[in-house]
Amino acid sequence: MQPSPTAKYGFRIRTRSGAVVDNLLIFGKDEPDAERKLRQIYLGCEILEARRSVIQAPRTGPVTYEDVVDLISGPTSI
């Protein structure tokens, strides 16, 4: 069974008390699904900005020692 595709959506909102909250990240099948989840948490909020965030695909195999060293070292320059 394959996992259902989900994306991460970033929101900037104003709560009903007037506070602005930046960078709320919520997973969803699509933007309306993520917005529905957001509105369940923040009742009466105003959405100021919505964007889709890029998420990396999960690894297919185990992490090797070389993978960890590459991650720590950063990009190689030639």
PDB file of N, CA and C in Angstrom:
ATOM      1  N   MET A   1       0.848  -1.186   0.000  1.00  0.00           N
ATOM      2  CA  MET A   1       0.000   0.000   0.000  1.00  0.00           C
ATOM      3  C   MET A   1       0.888   1.243   0.000  1.00  0.00           C
ATOM      4  N   GLN A   2       0.630   2.172  -0.909  1.00  0.00           N
ATOM      5  CA  GLN A   2       1.422   3.385  -1.006  1.00  0.00           C
ATOM      6  C   GLN A   2       0.840   4.465  -0.106  1.00  0.00           C
ATOM      7  N   PRO A   3       1.719   5.262   0.513  1.00  0.00           N
ATOM      8  CA  PRO A   3       1.209   6.345   1.360  1.00  0.00           C
ATOM      9  C   PRO A   3       0.517   7.405   0.517  1.00  0.00           C
ATOM     10  N   SER A   4      -0.504   8.013   1.088  1.00  0.00           N
ATOM     11  CA  SER A   4      -1.211   9.063   0.351  1.00  0.00           C
ATOM     12  C   SER A   4      -0.326  10.303   0.276  1.00  0.00           C
ATOM     13  N   PRO A   5      -0.315  10.960  -0.878  1.00  0.00           N
ATOM     14  CA  PRO A   5       0.546  12.137  -1.015  1.00  0.00           C
ATOM     15  C   PRO A   5       0.012  13.305  -0.185  1.00  0.00           C
ATOM     16  N   THR A   6       0.894  13.919   0.569  1.00  0.00           N
ATOM     17  CA  THR A   6       0.522  15.102   1.336  1.00  0.00           C
ATOM     18  C   THR A   6       1.554  16.178   1.083  1.00  0.00           C
ATOM     19  N   ALA A   7       1.151  17.385   1.247  1.00  0.00           N
ATOM     20  CA  ALA A   7       2.050  18.522   1.089  1.00  0.00           C
ATOM     21  C   ALA A   7       1.972  19.352   2.358  1.00  0.00           C
ATOM     22  N   LYS A   8       2.936  20.225   2.516  1.00  0.00           N
ATOM     23  CA  LYS A   8       2.956  21.112   3.671  1.00  0.00           C
ATOM     24  C   LYS A   8       2.604  22.510   3.175  1.00  0.00           C
ATOM     25  N   TYR A   9       1.662  23.149   3.846  1.00  0.00           N
ATOM     26  CA  TYR A   9       1.221  24.491   3.468  1.00  0.00           C
ATOM     27  C   TYR A   9       1.563  25.460   4.585  1.00  0.00           C
ATOM     28  N   GLY A  10       2.097  26.603   4.197  1.00  0.00           N
ATOM     29  CA  GLY A  10       2.452  27.637   5.157  1.00  0.00           C
ATOM     30  C   GLY A  10       1.413  28.740   5.148  1.00  0.00           C
ATOM     31  N   PHE A  11       1.036  29.198   6.317  1.00  0.00           N
ATOM     32  CA  PHE A  11       0.021  30.243   6.435  1.00  0.00           C
ATOM     33  C   PHE A  11       0.535  31.381   7.299  1.00  0.00           C
ATOM     34  N   ARG A  12       0.048  32.554   7.004  1.00  0.00           N
ATOM     35  CA  ARG A  12       0.224  33.734   7.861  1.00  0.00           C
ATOM     36  C   ARG A  12      -1.192  34.179   8.179  1.00  0.00           C
ATOM     37  N   ILE A  13      -1.524  34.255   9.465  1.00  0.00           N
ATOM     38  CA  ILE A  13      -2.907  34.542   9.850  1.00  0.00           C
ATOM     39  C   ILE A  13      -2.972  35.667  10.873  1.00  0.00           C
ATOM     40  N   ARG A  14      -4.178  36.196  11.015  1.00  0.00           N
ATOM     41  CA  ARG A  14      -4.495  37.121  12.108  1.00  0.00           C
ATOM     42  C   ARG A  14      -5.563  36.421  12.936  1.00  0.00           C
ATOM     43  N   THR A  15      -5.280  36.234  14.217  1.00  0.00           N
ATOM     44  CA  THR A  15      -6.238  35.571  15.095  1.00  0.00           C
ATOM     45  C   THR A  15      -7.412  36.505  15.378  1.00  0.00           C
ATOM     46  N   ARG A  16      -8.454  35.957  15.955  1.00  0.00           N
ATOM     47  CA  ARG A  16      -9.630  36.794  16.233  1.00  0.00           C
ATOM     48  C   ARG A  16      -9.340  37.861  17.278  1.00  0.00           C
ATOM     49  N   SER A  17      -8.258  37.671  18.060  1.00  0.00           N
ATOM     50  CA  SER A  17      -7.873  38.701  19.031  1.00  0.00           C
ATOM     51  C   SER A  17      -6.953  39.752  18.415  1.00  0.00           C
ATOM     52  N   GLY A  18      -6.558  39.565  17.142  1.00  0.00           N
ATOM     53  CA  GLY A  18      -5.759  40.563  16.443  1.00  0.00           C
ATOM     54  C   GLY A  18      -4.279  40.258  16.334  1.00  0.00           C
ATOM     55  N   ALA A  19      -3.815  39.192  16.966  1.00  0.00           N
ATOM     56  CA  ALA A  19      -2.395  38.832  16.887  1.00  0.00           C
ATOM     57  C   ALA A  19      -2.087  38.211  15.530  1.00  0.00           C
ATOM     58  N   VAL A  20      -0.948  38.585  14.950  1.00  0.00           N
ATOM     59  CA  VAL A  20      -0.525  38.016  13.674  1.00  0.00           C
ATOM     60  C   VAL A  20       0.422  36.857  13.957  1.00  0.00           C
ATOM     61  N   VAL A  21       0.148  35.720  13.328  1.00  0.00           N
ATOM     62  CA  VAL A  21       0.977  34.524  13.493  1.00  0.00           C
ATOM     63  C   VAL A  21       1.571  34.189  12.132  1.00  0.00           C
ATOM     64  N   ASP A  22       2.902  34.148  12.068  1.00  0.00           N
ATOM     65  CA  ASP A  22       3.613  33.839  10.829  1.00  0.00           C
ATOM     66  C   ASP A  22       4.051  32.383  10.810  1.00  0.00           C
ATOM     67  N   ASN A  23       4.217  31.873   9.609  1.00  0.00           N
ATOM     68  CA  ASN A  23       4.859  30.579   9.373  1.00  0.00           C
ATOM     69  C   ASN A  23       4.179  29.417  10.086  1.00  0.00           C
ATOM     70  N   LEU A  24       2.871  29.328   9.997  1.00  0.00           N
ATOM     71  CA  LEU A  24       2.151  28.155  10.493  1.00  0.00           C
ATOM     72  C   LEU A  24       2.225  27.098   9.403  1.00  0.00           C
ATOM     73  N   LEU A  25       2.802  25.946   9.685  1.00  0.00           N
ATOM     74  CA  LEU A  25       2.941  24.885   8.697  1.00  0.00           C
ATOM     75  C   LEU A  25       1.982  23.758   9.032  1.00  0.00           C
ATOM     76  N   ILE A  26       1.147  23.396   8.041  1.00  0.00           N
ATOM     77  CA  ILE A  26       0.129  22.374   8.242  1.00  0.00           C
ATOM     78  C   ILE A  26       0.151  21.425   7.052  1.00  0.00           C
ATOM     79  N   PHE A  27       0.124  20.120   7.326  1.00  0.00           N
ATOM     80  CA  PHE A  27       0.056  19.126   6.267  1.00  0.00           C
ATOM     81  C   PHE A  27      -1.376  19.020   5.760  1.00  0.00           C
ATOM     82  N   GLY A  28      -1.503  18.747   4.456  1.00  0.00           N
ATOM     83  CA  GLY A  28      -2.816  18.543   3.881  1.00  0.00           C
ATOM     84  C   GLY A  28      -2.720  17.913   2.508  1.00  0.00           C
ATOM     85  N   LYS A  29      -3.815  17.279   2.071  1.00  0.00           N
ATOM     86  CA  LYS A  29      -3.847  16.691   0.731  1.00  0.00           C
ATOM     87  C   LYS A  29      -3.792  17.774  -0.328  1.00  0.00           C
ATOM     88  N   ASP A  30      -4.427  18.899  -0.016  1.00  0.00           N
ATOM     89  CA  ASP A  30      -4.421  20.060  -0.902  1.00  0.00           C
ATOM     90  C   ASP A  30      -4.633  21.299  -0.029  1.00  0.00           C
ATOM     91  N   GLU A  31      -4.623  22.476  -0.666  1.00  0.00           N
ATOM     92  CA  GLU A  31      -4.730  23.706   0.124  1.00  0.00           C
ATOM     93  C   GLU A  31      -6.046  23.812   0.893  1.00  0.00           C
ATOM     94  N   PRO A  32      -7.195  23.475   0.288  1.00  0.00           N
ATOM     95  CA  PRO A  32      -8.441  23.538   1.079  1.00  0.00           C
ATOM     96  C   PRO A  32      -8.432  22.605   2.299  1.00  0.00           C
ATOM     97  N   ASP A  33      -7.800  21.439   2.169  1.00  0.00           N
ATOM     98  CA  ASP A  33      -7.713  20.518   3.302  1.00  0.00           C
ATOM     99  C   ASP A  33      -6.865  21.120   4.423  1.00  0.00           C
ATOM    100  N   ALA A  34      -5.729  21.716   4.061  1.00  0.00           N
ATOM    101  CA  ALA A  34      -4.868  22.355   5.063  1.00  0.00           C
ATOM    102  C   ALA A  34      -5.575  23.552   5.695  1.00  0.00           C
ATOM    103  N   GLU A  35      -6.306  24.314   4.885  1.00  0.00           N
ATOM    104  CA  GLU A  35      -7.041  25.475   5.411  1.00  0.00           C
ATOM    105  C   GLU A  35      -8.136  25.027   6.374  1.00  0.00           C
ATOM    106  N   ARG A  36      -8.804  23.925   6.062  1.00  0.00           N
ATOM    107  CA  ARG A  36      -9.847  23.388   6.948  1.00  0.00           C
ATOM    108  C   ARG A  36      -9.244  23.021   8.302  1.00  0.00           C
ATOM    109  N   LYS A  37      -8.085  22.355   8.275  1.00  0.00           N
ATOM    110  CA  LYS A  37      -7.418  21.983   9.530  1.00  0.00           C
ATOM    111  C   LYS A  37      -7.003  23.222  10.318  1.00  0.00           C
ATOM    112  N   LEU A  38      -6.506  24.234   9.605  1.00  0.00           N
ATOM    113  CA  LEU A  38      -6.104  25.489  10.252  1.00  0.00           C
ATOM    114  C   LEU A  38      -7.294  26.143  10.948  1.00  0.00           C
ATOM    115  N   ARG A  39      -8.422  26.200  10.268  1.00  0.00           N
ATOM    116  CA  ARG A  39      -9.611  26.855  10.837  1.00  0.00           C
ATOM    117  C   ARG A  39     -10.205  26.074  12.011  1.00  0.00           C
ATOM    118  N   GLN A  40      -9.932  24.771  12.085  1.00  0.00           N
ATOM    119  CA  GLN A  40     -10.360  23.995  13.249  1.00  0.00           C
ATOM    120  C   GLN A  40      -9.536  24.368  14.481  1.00  0.00           C
ATOM    121  N   ILE A  41      -8.273  24.718  14.252  1.00  0.00           N
ATOM    122  CA  ILE A  41      -7.386  25.079  15.363  1.00  0.00           C
ATOM    123  C   ILE A  41      -7.580  26.536  15.764  1.00  0.00           C
ATOM    124  N   TYR A  42      -7.605  27.429  14.762  1.00  0.00           N
ATOM    125  CA  TYR A  42      -7.730  28.872  15.000  1.00  0.00           C
ATOM    126  C   TYR A  42      -9.116  29.323  14.541  1.00  0.00           C
ATOM    127  N   LEU A  43     -10.088  29.211  15.418  1.00  0.00           N
ATOM    128  CA  LEU A  43     -11.463  29.581  15.088  1.00  0.00           C
ATOM    129  C   LEU A  43     -11.557  31.081  14.852  1.00  0.00           C
ATOM    130  N   GLY A  44     -12.191  31.478  13.772  1.00  0.00           N
ATOM    131  CA  GLY A  44     -12.408  32.888  13.487  1.00  0.00           C
ATOM    132  C   GLY A  44     -11.182  33.637  13.022  1.00  0.00           C
ATOM    133  N   CYS A  45     -10.164  32.929  12.538  1.00  0.00           N
ATOM    134  CA  CYS A  45      -8.950  33.620  12.091  1.00  0.00           C
ATOM    135  C   CYS A  45      -9.139  34.161  10.675  1.00  0.00           C
ATOM    136  N   GLU A  46      -8.296  35.124  10.332  1.00  0.00           N
ATOM    137  CA  GLU A  46      -8.265  35.683   8.973  1.00  0.00           C
ATOM    138  C   GLU A  46      -6.951  35.241   8.338  1.00  0.00           C
ATOM    139  N   ILE A  47      -7.027  34.585   7.185  1.00  0.00           N
ATOM    140  CA  ILE A  47      -5.818  34.128   6.500  1.00  0.00           C
ATOM    141  C   ILE A  47      -5.272  35.280   5.677  1.00  0.00           C
ATOM    142  N   LEU A  48      -4.047  35.704   6.000  1.00  0.00           N
ATOM    143  CA  LEU A  48      -3.408  36.815   5.305  1.00  0.00           C
ATOM    144  C   LEU A  48      -2.589  36.332   4.113  1.00  0.00           C
ATOM    145  N   GLU A  49      -2.022  35.134   4.224  1.00  0.00           N
ATOM    146  CA  GLU A  49      -1.174  34.595   3.157  1.00  0.00           C
ATOM    147  C   GLU A  49      -1.174  33.075   3.251  1.00  0.00           C
ATOM    148  N   ALA A  50      -1.173  32.415   2.102  1.00  0.00           N
ATOM    149  CA  ALA A  50      -1.077  30.959   2.058  1.00  0.00           C
ATOM    150  C   ALA A  50      -0.089  30.581   0.965  1.00  0.00           C
ATOM    151  N   ARG A  51       0.741  29.577   1.246  1.00  0.00           N
ATOM    152  CA  ARG A  51       1.707  29.125   0.249  1.00  0.00           C
ATOM    153  C   ARG A  51       1.983  27.644   0.460  1.00  0.00           C
ATOM    154  N   ARG A  52       2.381  26.994  -0.614  1.00  0.00           N
ATOM    155  CA  ARG A  52       2.749  25.582  -0.538  1.00  0.00           C
ATOM    156  C   ARG A  52       4.241  25.496  -0.282  1.00  0.00           C
ATOM    157  N   SER A  53       4.630  24.713   0.706  1.00  0.00           N
ATOM    158  CA  SER A  53       6.041  24.542   1.040  1.00  0.00           C
ATOM    159  C   SER A  53       6.555  23.258   0.408  1.00  0.00           C
ATOM    160  N   VAL A  54       7.805  23.273   0.040  1.00  0.00           N
ATOM    161  CA  VAL A  54       8.439  22.097  -0.553  1.00  0.00           C
ATOM    162  C   VAL A  54       8.906  21.183   0.570  1.00  0.00           C
ATOM    163  N   ILE A  55       8.561  19.910   0.452  1.00  0.00           N
ATOM    164  CA  ILE A  55       9.046  18.931   1.417  1.00  0.00           C
ATOM    165  C   ILE A  55       9.855  17.890   0.661  1.00  0.00           C
ATOM    166  N   GLN A  56      10.902  17.401   1.285  1.00  0.00           N
ATOM    167  CA  GLN A  56      11.742  16.402   0.649  1.00  0.00           C
ATOM    168  C   GLN A  56      11.073  15.043   0.705  1.00  0.00           C
ATOM    169  N   ALA A  57      11.327  14.255  -0.343  1.00  0.00           N
ATOM    170  CA  ALA A  57      10.806  12.891  -0.379  1.00  0.00           C
ATOM    171  C   ALA A  57      11.519  12.060   0.687  1.00  0.00           C
ATOM    172  N   PRO A  58      10.809  11.136   1.303  1.00  0.00           N
ATOM    173  CA  PRO A  58      11.450  10.310   2.326  1.00  0.00           C
ATOM    174  C   PRO A  58      12.523   9.416   1.715  1.00  0.00           C
ATOM    175  N   ARG A  59      13.492   9.045   2.521  1.00  0.00           N
ATOM    176  CA  ARG A  59      14.557   8.151   2.057  1.00  0.00           C
ATOM    177  C   ARG A  59      13.980   6.780   1.746  1.00  0.00           C
ATOM    178  N   THR A  60      14.592   6.130   0.777  1.00  0.00           N
ATOM    179  CA  THR A  60      14.123   4.799   0.408  1.00  0.00           C
ATOM    180  C   THR A  60      14.884   3.697   1.132  1.00  0.00           C
ATOM    181  N   GLY A  61      16.058   4.021   1.665  1.00  0.00           N
ATOM    182  CA  GLY A  61      16.857   3.002   2.334  1.00  0.00           C
ATOM    183  C   GLY A  61      17.442   3.530   3.624  1.00  0.00           C
ATOM    184  N   PRO A  62      18.289   2.713   4.244  1.00  0.00           N
ATOM    185  CA  PRO A  62      18.905   3.143   5.502  1.00  0.00           C
ATOM    186  C   PRO A  62      19.926   4.255   5.271  1.00  0.00           C
ATOM    187  N   VAL A  63      20.195   5.018   6.307  1.00  0.00           N
ATOM    188  CA  VAL A  63      21.179   6.091   6.242  1.00  0.00           C
ATOM    189  C   VAL A  63      22.563   5.475   6.457  1.00  0.00           C
ATOM    190  N   THR A  64      23.485   5.811   5.569  1.00  0.00           N
ATOM    191  CA  THR A  64      24.842   5.278   5.680  1.00  0.00           C
ATOM    192  C   THR A  64      25.747   6.293   6.368  1.00  0.00           C
ATOM    193  N   TYR A  65      26.920   5.829   6.747  1.00  0.00           N
ATOM    194  CA  TYR A  65      27.921   6.704   7.358  1.00  0.00           C
ATOM    195  C   TYR A  65      28.280   7.832   6.401  1.00  0.00           C
ATOM    196  N   GLU A  66      28.418   7.520   5.112  1.00  0.00           N
ATOM    197  CA  GLU A  66      28.760   8.527   4.110  1.00  0.00           C
ATOM    198  C   GLU A  66      27.673   9.600   4.008  1.00  0.00           C
ATOM    199  N   ASP A  67      26.408   9.191   4.126  1.00  0.00           N
ATOM    200  CA  ASP A  67      25.302  10.158   4.091  1.00  0.00           C
ATOM    201  C   ASP A  67      25.420  11.151   5.243  1.00  0.00           C
ATOM    202  N   VAL A  68      25.763  10.655   6.427  1.00  0.00           N
ATOM    203  CA  VAL A  68      25.890  11.518   7.600  1.00  0.00           C
ATOM    204  C   VAL A  68      27.062  12.478   7.430  1.00  0.00           C
ATOM    205  N   VAL A  69      28.193  11.976   6.936  1.00  0.00           N
ATOM    206  CA  VAL A  69      29.364  12.827   6.724  1.00  0.00           C
ATOM    207  C   VAL A  69      29.051  13.897   5.684  1.00  0.00           C
ATOM    208  N   ASP A  70      28.367  13.521   4.601  1.00  0.00           N
ATOM    209  CA  ASP A  70      27.981  14.499   3.576  1.00  0.00           C
ATOM    210  C   ASP A  70      27.064  15.568   4.156  1.00  0.00           C
ATOM    211  N   LEU A  71      26.155  15.172   5.027  1.00  0.00           N
ATOM    212  CA  LEU A  71      25.234  16.122   5.647  1.00  0.00           C
ATOM    213  C   LEU A  71      25.984  17.110   6.535  1.00  0.00           C
ATOM    214  N   ILE A  72      26.942  16.614   7.296  1.00  0.00           N
ATOM    215  CA  ILE A  72      27.718  17.475   8.188  1.00  0.00           C
ATOM    216  C   ILE A  72      28.651  18.383   7.400  1.00  0.00           C
ATOM    217  N   SER A  73      29.280  17.834   6.354  1.00  0.00           N
ATOM    218  CA  SER A  73      30.272  18.580   5.569  1.00  0.00           C
ATOM    219  C   SER A  73      29.654  19.683   4.735  1.00  0.00           C
ATOM    220  N   GLY A  74      28.420  19.512   4.346  1.00  0.00           N
ATOM    221  CA  GLY A  74      27.788  20.484   3.467  1.00  0.00           C
ATOM    222  C   GLY A  74      28.134  20.192   2.018  1.00  0.00           C
ATOM    223  N   PRO A  75      27.753  21.096   1.120  1.00  0.00           N
ATOM    224  CA  PRO A  75      28.003  20.862  -0.304  1.00  0.00           C
ATOM    225  C   PRO A  75      29.503  20.879  -0.607  1.00  0.00           C
ATOM    226  N   THR A  76      29.899  20.000  -1.501  1.00  0.00           N
ATOM    227  CA  THR A  76      31.313  19.940  -1.878  1.00  0.00           C
ATOM    228  C   THR A  76      31.604  20.988  -2.932  1.00  0.00           C
ATOM    229  N   SER A  77      32.730  21.655  -2.807  1.00  0.00           N
ATOM    230  CA  SER A  77      33.132  22.644  -3.805  1.00  0.00           C
ATOM    231  C   SER A  77      34.341  22.112  -4.553  1.00  0.00           C
ATOM    232  N   ILE A  78      34.288  22.251  -5.848  1.00  0.00           N
ATOM    233  CA  ILE A  78      35.361  21.713  -6.696  1.00  0.00           C
ATOM    234  C   ILE A  78      36.224  22.830  -7.216  1.00  0.00           C
TER     235      ILE A  78
END
